[in-house]
Amino acid sequence: MSTDLHSLVIPQLERVLTNLRDILERASLDLEQRQIPESVLLSSRLYPDMFDLQQQVQAATDIARRGTARLIGEEPSSMPDSEASFMGLINRVDSTLCTLRALPAEAFLGGEQRAVIMPIPSSFGGGQLEFKALEFFTDFLLPNVYFHCSMAYAILRHNGTAIGKADFLGMKST
């Protein structure tokens, strides 16, 4: 039985990144209302050894973009980590969403058993992890994107941004 990786991967990543984008927009407006400089929230973190808000968003988008490239057997592109504002982070999420939406469904066909090699940065011990594509998505790519989006949400919530679980999940009331 074959798995439609495109229909599994792209909608999941689109949803969590779109929700991240929405909470970043809400936080930006909230900062304006509370007259708090953006830099305060952008450099906020939950614990000293954790990524700050900027890095959490950068990691979520990098993992989504680079991970999907690996799923279809392409070399992942890099994106500079140069955002210094909420608008910059929102644009980064938008750019990642455009990249994901542009991936052709055909590139995913029959790829669930494709080998995916994930290099491990030296800061995490170095080496590499090897997966089959479906396992890479379910055990590495998706959990990591959700982790970094969750941490971005937690940083914003911890700093008083008026968001809740429904915002993280993208549950819009009608």
C-alpha atoms as a PDB file:
ATOM      1  CA  MET A   1       0.000   0.000   0.000  1.00  0.00           C
ATOM      2  CA  SER A   2       1.378   3.379  -1.018  1.00  0.00           C
ATOM      3  CA  THR A   3       1.093   6.516   1.098  1.00  0.00           C
ATOM      4  CA  ASP A   4       0.334   9.866  -0.528  1.00  0.00           C
ATOM      5  CA  LEU A   5       3.179  11.749   1.133  1.00  0.00           C
ATOM      6  CA  HIS A   6       2.262  15.078  -0.440  1.00  0.00           C
ATOM      7  CA  SER A   7      -1.272  14.976   0.990  1.00  0.00           C
ATOM      8  CA  LEU A   8       0.119  13.924   4.352  1.00  0.00           C
ATOM      9  CA  VAL A   9       3.042  16.345   4.607  1.00  0.00           C
ATOM     10  CA  ILE A  10       2.083  19.636   2.995  1.00  0.00           C
ATOM     11  CA  PRO A  11      -1.320  20.246   4.681  1.00  0.00           C
ATOM     12  CA  GLN A  12       0.138  19.469   8.130  1.00  0.00           C
ATOM     13  CA  LEU A  13       3.049  21.857   7.685  1.00  0.00           C
ATOM     14  CA  GLU A  14       0.848  24.519   6.102  1.00  0.00           C
ATOM     15  CA  ARG A  15      -1.540  24.421   9.037  1.00  0.00           C
ATOM     16  CA  VAL A  16       1.026  24.700  11.826  1.00  0.00           C
ATOM     17  CA  LEU A  17       3.024  27.399  10.010  1.00  0.00           C
ATOM     18  CA  THR A  18      -0.095  29.390   9.124  1.00  0.00           C
ATOM     19  CA  ASN A  19      -1.124  29.273  12.774  1.00  0.00           C
ATOM     20  CA  LEU A  20       2.383  30.412  13.764  1.00  0.00           C
ATOM     21  CA  ARG A  21       2.080  33.287  11.321  1.00  0.00           C
ATOM     22  CA  ASP A  22      -1.277  34.273  12.815  1.00  0.00           C
ATOM     23  CA  ILE A  23       0.005  34.324  16.384  1.00  0.00           C
ATOM     24  CA  LEU A  24       3.034  36.377  15.312  1.00  0.00           C
ATOM     25  CA  GLU A  25       0.662  38.922  13.780  1.00  0.00           C
ATOM     26  CA  ARG A  26      -1.404  38.983  16.969  1.00  0.00           C
ATOM     27  CA  ALA A  27       1.738  39.444  19.064  1.00  0.00           C
ATOM     28  CA  SER A  28       2.909  42.311  16.878  1.00  0.00           C
ATOM     29  CA  LEU A  29      -0.398  44.135  17.329  1.00  0.00           C
ATOM     30  CA  ASP A  30      -0.378  43.364  21.043  1.00  0.00           C
ATOM     31  CA  LEU A  31       3.083  44.890  21.425  1.00  0.00           C
ATOM     32  CA  GLU A  32       1.937  48.072  19.725  1.00  0.00           C
ATOM     33  CA  GLN A  33      -1.033  48.333  22.089  1.00  0.00           C
ATOM     34  CA  ARG A  34       1.120  47.677  25.163  1.00  0.00           C
ATOM     35  CA  GLN A  35       3.897  49.950  23.830  1.00  0.00           C
ATOM     36  CA  ILE A  36       6.572  47.274  24.254  1.00  0.00           C
ATOM     37  CA  PRO A  37       9.562  47.328  21.877  1.00  0.00           C
ATOM     38  CA  GLU A  38       9.645  44.371  19.464  1.00  0.00           C
ATOM     39  CA  SER A  39      13.206  43.591  20.491  1.00  0.00           C
ATOM     40  CA  VAL A  40      12.030  42.646  23.983  1.00  0.00           C
ATOM     41  CA  LEU A  41       9.836  39.816  22.716  1.00  0.00           C
ATOM     42  CA  LEU A  42      12.084  38.796  19.821  1.00  0.00           C
ATOM     43  CA  SER A  43      14.927  38.079  22.223  1.00  0.00           C
ATOM     44  CA  SER A  44      12.747  36.455  24.891  1.00  0.00           C
ATOM     45  CA  ARG A  45      13.271  32.806  25.754  1.00  0.00           C
ATOM     46  CA  LEU A  46      11.772  30.408  28.263  1.00  0.00           C
ATOM     47  CA  TYR A  47      15.104  29.414  29.792  1.00  0.00           C
ATOM     48  CA  PRO A  48      18.647  30.699  29.275  1.00  0.00           C
ATOM     49  CA  ASP A  49      19.825  27.660  27.282  1.00  0.00           C
ATOM     50  CA  MET A  50      16.799  27.647  24.945  1.00  0.00           C
ATOM     51  CA  PHE A  51      16.342  29.451  21.627  1.00  0.00           C
ATOM     52  CA  ASP A  52      14.769  32.889  21.737  1.00  0.00           C
ATOM     53  CA  LEU A  53      11.579  33.709  19.807  1.00  0.00           C
ATOM     54  CA  GLN A  54      13.440  34.631  16.620  1.00  0.00           C
ATOM     55  CA  GLN A  55      15.416  31.393  16.660  1.00  0.00           C
ATOM     56  CA  GLN A  56      12.295  29.306  17.356  1.00  0.00           C
ATOM     57  CA  VAL A  57      10.571  30.728  14.265  1.00  0.00           C
ATOM     58  CA  GLN A  58      13.727  30.358  12.189  1.00  0.00           C
ATOM     59  CA  ALA A  59      14.107  26.734  13.297  1.00  0.00           C
ATOM     60  CA  ALA A  60      10.458  25.881  12.563  1.00  0.00           C
ATOM     61  CA  THR A  61      10.672  27.306   9.046  1.00  0.00           C
ATOM     62  CA  ASP A  62      14.124  25.824   8.344  1.00  0.00           C
ATOM     63  CA  ILE A  63      13.069  22.353   9.430  1.00  0.00           C
ATOM     64  CA  ALA A  64       9.853  22.521   7.375  1.00  0.00           C
ATOM     65  CA  ARG A  65      11.576  23.808   4.230  1.00  0.00           C
ATOM     66  CA  ARG A  66      14.713  21.702   4.450  1.00  0.00           C
ATOM     67  CA  GLY A  67      12.876  18.591   5.625  1.00  0.00           C
ATOM     68  CA  THR A  68      10.432  18.585   2.721  1.00  0.00           C
ATOM     69  CA  ALA A  69      13.341  18.982   0.298  1.00  0.00           C
ATOM     70  CA  ARG A  70      14.960  15.917   1.854  1.00  0.00           C
ATOM     71  CA  LEU A  71      11.671  13.999   1.565  1.00  0.00           C
ATOM     72  CA  ILE A  72      11.664  14.437  -2.197  1.00  0.00           C
ATOM     73  CA  GLY A  73      15.377  13.751  -2.591  1.00  0.00           C
ATOM     74  CA  GLU A  74      16.471  17.340  -3.186  1.00  0.00           C
ATOM     75  CA  GLU A  75      19.299  19.238  -1.572  1.00  0.00           C
ATOM     76  CA  PRO A  76      17.819  21.620   0.993  1.00  0.00           C
ATOM     77  CA  SER A  77      18.263  25.334   0.474  1.00  0.00           C
ATOM     78  CA  SER A  78      19.375  27.666   3.206  1.00  0.00           C
ATOM     79  CA  MET A  79      17.828  30.939   4.243  1.00  0.00           C
ATOM     80  CA  PRO A  80      19.767  33.601   6.150  1.00  0.00           C
ATOM     81  CA  ASP A  81      18.678  34.167   9.746  1.00  0.00           C
ATOM     82  CA  SER A  82      18.509  37.935   9.423  1.00  0.00           C
ATOM     83  CA  GLU A  83      15.015  38.809  10.661  1.00  0.00           C
ATOM     84  CA  ALA A  84      15.032  41.592  13.247  1.00  0.00           C
ATOM     85  CA  SER A  85      11.296  42.297  13.462  1.00  0.00           C
ATOM     86  CA  PHE A  86       7.942  40.596  13.661  1.00  0.00           C
ATOM     87  CA  MET A  87       7.316  41.574  10.040  1.00  0.00           C
ATOM     88  CA  GLY A  88      10.586  39.883   9.088  1.00  0.00           C
ATOM     89  CA  LEU A  89       9.546  36.679  10.875  1.00  0.00           C
ATOM     90  CA  ILE A  90       6.079  36.801   9.286  1.00  0.00           C
ATOM     91  CA  ASN A  91       7.691  37.224   5.851  1.00  0.00           C
ATOM     92  CA  ARG A  92       9.955  34.260   6.600  1.00  0.00           C
ATOM     93  CA  VAL A  93       6.925  32.090   7.409  1.00  0.00           C
ATOM     94  CA  ASP A  94       5.186  33.333   4.239  1.00  0.00           C
ATOM     95  CA  SER A  95       8.254  32.515   2.139  1.00  0.00           C
ATOM     96  CA  THR A  96       8.384  29.020   3.637  1.00  0.00           C
ATOM     97  CA  LEU A  97       4.673  28.498   2.946  1.00  0.00           C
ATOM     98  CA  CYS A  98       5.196  29.562  -0.692  1.00  0.00           C
ATOM     99  CA  THR A  99       8.086  27.113  -1.007  1.00  0.00           C
ATOM    100  CA  LEU A 100       5.996  24.263   0.407  1.00  0.00           C
ATOM    101  CA  ARG A 101       3.001  25.058  -1.803  1.00  0.00           C
ATOM    102  CA  ALA A 102       5.213  25.120  -4.890  1.00  0.00           C
ATOM    103  CA  LEU A 103       6.470  21.561  -4.380  1.00  0.00           C
ATOM    104  CA  PRO A 104       4.905  19.336  -7.032  1.00  0.00           C
ATOM    105  CA  ALA A 105       2.832  16.441  -5.717  1.00  0.00           C
ATOM    106  CA  GLU A 106       4.544  14.172  -8.253  1.00  0.00           C
ATOM    107  CA  ALA A 107       7.877  14.660  -6.486  1.00  0.00           C
ATOM    108  CA  PHE A 108       6.471  12.835  -3.450  1.00  0.00           C
ATOM    109  CA  LEU A 109       4.957   9.895  -5.369  1.00  0.00           C
ATOM    110  CA  GLY A 110       6.266   6.518  -4.282  1.00  0.00           C
ATOM    111  CA  GLY A 111       8.775   8.156  -2.002  1.00  0.00           C
ATOM    112  CA  GLU A 112       7.724   6.817   1.386  1.00  0.00           C
ATOM    113  CA  GLN A 113      10.617   4.332   1.360  1.00  0.00           C
ATOM    114  CA  ARG A 114      13.159   6.841   0.004  1.00  0.00           C
ATOM    115  CA  ALA A 115      16.265   7.071   2.185  1.00  0.00           C
ATOM    116  CA  VAL A 116      16.592  10.379   4.021  1.00  0.00           C
ATOM    117  CA  ILE A 117      19.922  11.288   5.562  1.00  0.00           C
ATOM    118  CA  MET A 118      19.745  13.907   8.284  1.00  0.00           C
ATOM    119  CA  PRO A 119      23.093  15.429   9.250  1.00  0.00           C
ATOM    120  CA  ILE A 120      23.425  16.167  12.966  1.00  0.00           C
ATOM    121  CA  PRO A 121      25.144  19.462  13.779  1.00  0.00           C
ATOM    122  CA  SER A 122      28.388  19.178  15.716  1.00  0.00           C
ATOM    123  CA  SER A 123      26.745  21.116  18.551  1.00  0.00           C
ATOM    124  CA  PHE A 124      24.491  18.053  18.984  1.00  0.00           C
ATOM    125  CA  GLY A 125      27.289  15.506  18.731  1.00  0.00           C
ATOM    126  CA  GLY A 126      27.685  15.324  14.949  1.00  0.00           C
ATOM    127  CA  GLY A 127      27.069  12.366  12.683  1.00  0.00           C
ATOM    128  CA  GLN A 128      23.863  11.629  10.862  1.00  0.00           C
ATOM    129  CA  LEU A 129      20.502   9.976  11.236  1.00  0.00           C
ATOM    130  CA  GLU A 130      19.069   7.723   8.547  1.00  0.00           C
ATOM    131  CA  PHE A 131      15.354   7.302   7.952  1.00  0.00           C
ATOM    132  CA  LYS A 132      12.881   6.125   5.378  1.00  0.00           C
ATOM    133  CA  ALA A 133      10.915   9.164   4.157  1.00  0.00           C
ATOM    134  CA  LEU A 134       7.625   8.358   5.904  1.00  0.00           C
ATOM    135  CA  GLU A 135       9.444   7.652   9.169  1.00  0.00           C
ATOM    136  CA  PHE A 136      11.450  10.892   8.742  1.00  0.00           C
ATOM    137  CA  PHE A 137       8.219  12.858   8.431  1.00  0.00           C
ATOM    138  CA  THR A 138       6.396  11.222  11.352  1.00  0.00           C
ATOM    139  CA  ASP A 139       9.339  10.794  13.741  1.00  0.00           C
ATOM    140  CA  PHE A 140      11.529  13.811  13.027  1.00  0.00           C
ATOM    141  CA  LEU A 141      10.200  16.510  10.699  1.00  0.00           C
ATOM    142  CA  LEU A 142       6.692  17.040  12.031  1.00  0.00           C
ATOM    143  CA  PRO A 143       7.539  16.707  15.751  1.00  0.00           C
ATOM    144  CA  ASN A 144      10.390  19.206  15.364  1.00  0.00           C
ATOM    145  CA  VAL A 145       8.270  21.782  13.535  1.00  0.00           C
ATOM    146  CA  TYR A 146       5.552  21.439  16.186  1.00  0.00           C
ATOM    147  CA  PHE A 147       8.147  21.705  18.955  1.00  0.00           C
ATOM    148  CA  HIS A 148       9.561  24.999  17.695  1.00  0.00           C
ATOM    149  CA  CYS A 149       6.097  26.409  16.940  1.00  0.00           C
ATOM    150  CA  SER A 150       5.009  25.386  20.450  1.00  0.00           C
ATOM    151  CA  MET A 151       8.020  27.107  21.973  1.00  0.00           C
ATOM    152  CA  ALA A 152       7.309  30.285  19.982  1.00  0.00           C
ATOM    153  CA  TYR A 153       3.714  30.156  21.232  1.00  0.00           C
ATOM    154  CA  ALA A 154       4.887  29.582  24.823  1.00  0.00           C
ATOM    155  CA  ILE A 155       7.310  32.514  24.680  1.00  0.00           C
ATOM    156  CA  LEU A 156       4.580  34.810  23.391  1.00  0.00           C
ATOM    157  CA  ARG A 157       2.036  33.572  25.934  1.00  0.00           C
ATOM    158  CA  HIS A 158       4.555  33.772  28.774  1.00  0.00           C
ATOM    159  CA  ASN A 159       5.171  37.408  27.862  1.00  0.00           C
ATOM    160  CA  GLY A 160       1.497  38.317  28.032  1.00  0.00           C
ATOM    161  CA  THR A 161       0.367  38.054  24.425  1.00  0.00           C
ATOM    162  CA  ALA A 162      -3.379  37.469  24.428  1.00  0.00           C
ATOM    163  CA  ILE A 163      -3.387  34.102  22.652  1.00  0.00           C
ATOM    164  CA  GLY A 164      -4.698  30.717  23.667  1.00  0.00           C
ATOM    165  CA  LYS A 165      -4.712  27.082  22.639  1.00  0.00           C
ATOM    166  CA  ALA A 166      -7.355  27.730  19.978  1.00  0.00           C
ATOM    167  CA  ASP A 167      -4.961  30.195  18.310  1.00  0.00           C
ATOM    168  CA  PHE A 168      -2.147  27.638  18.286  1.00  0.00           C
ATOM    169  CA  LEU A 169      -4.489  25.046  16.780  1.00  0.00           C
ATOM    170  CA  GLY A 170      -5.982  27.528  14.298  1.00  0.00           C
ATOM    171  CA  MET A 171      -9.525  27.019  15.545  1.00  0.00           C
ATOM    172  CA  LYS A 172     -11.374  30.077  14.343  1.00  0.00           C
ATOM    173  CA  SER A 173     -14.797  30.604  15.872  1.00  0.00           C
ATOM    174  CA  THR A 174     -17.680  31.294  13.525  1.00  0.00           C
END
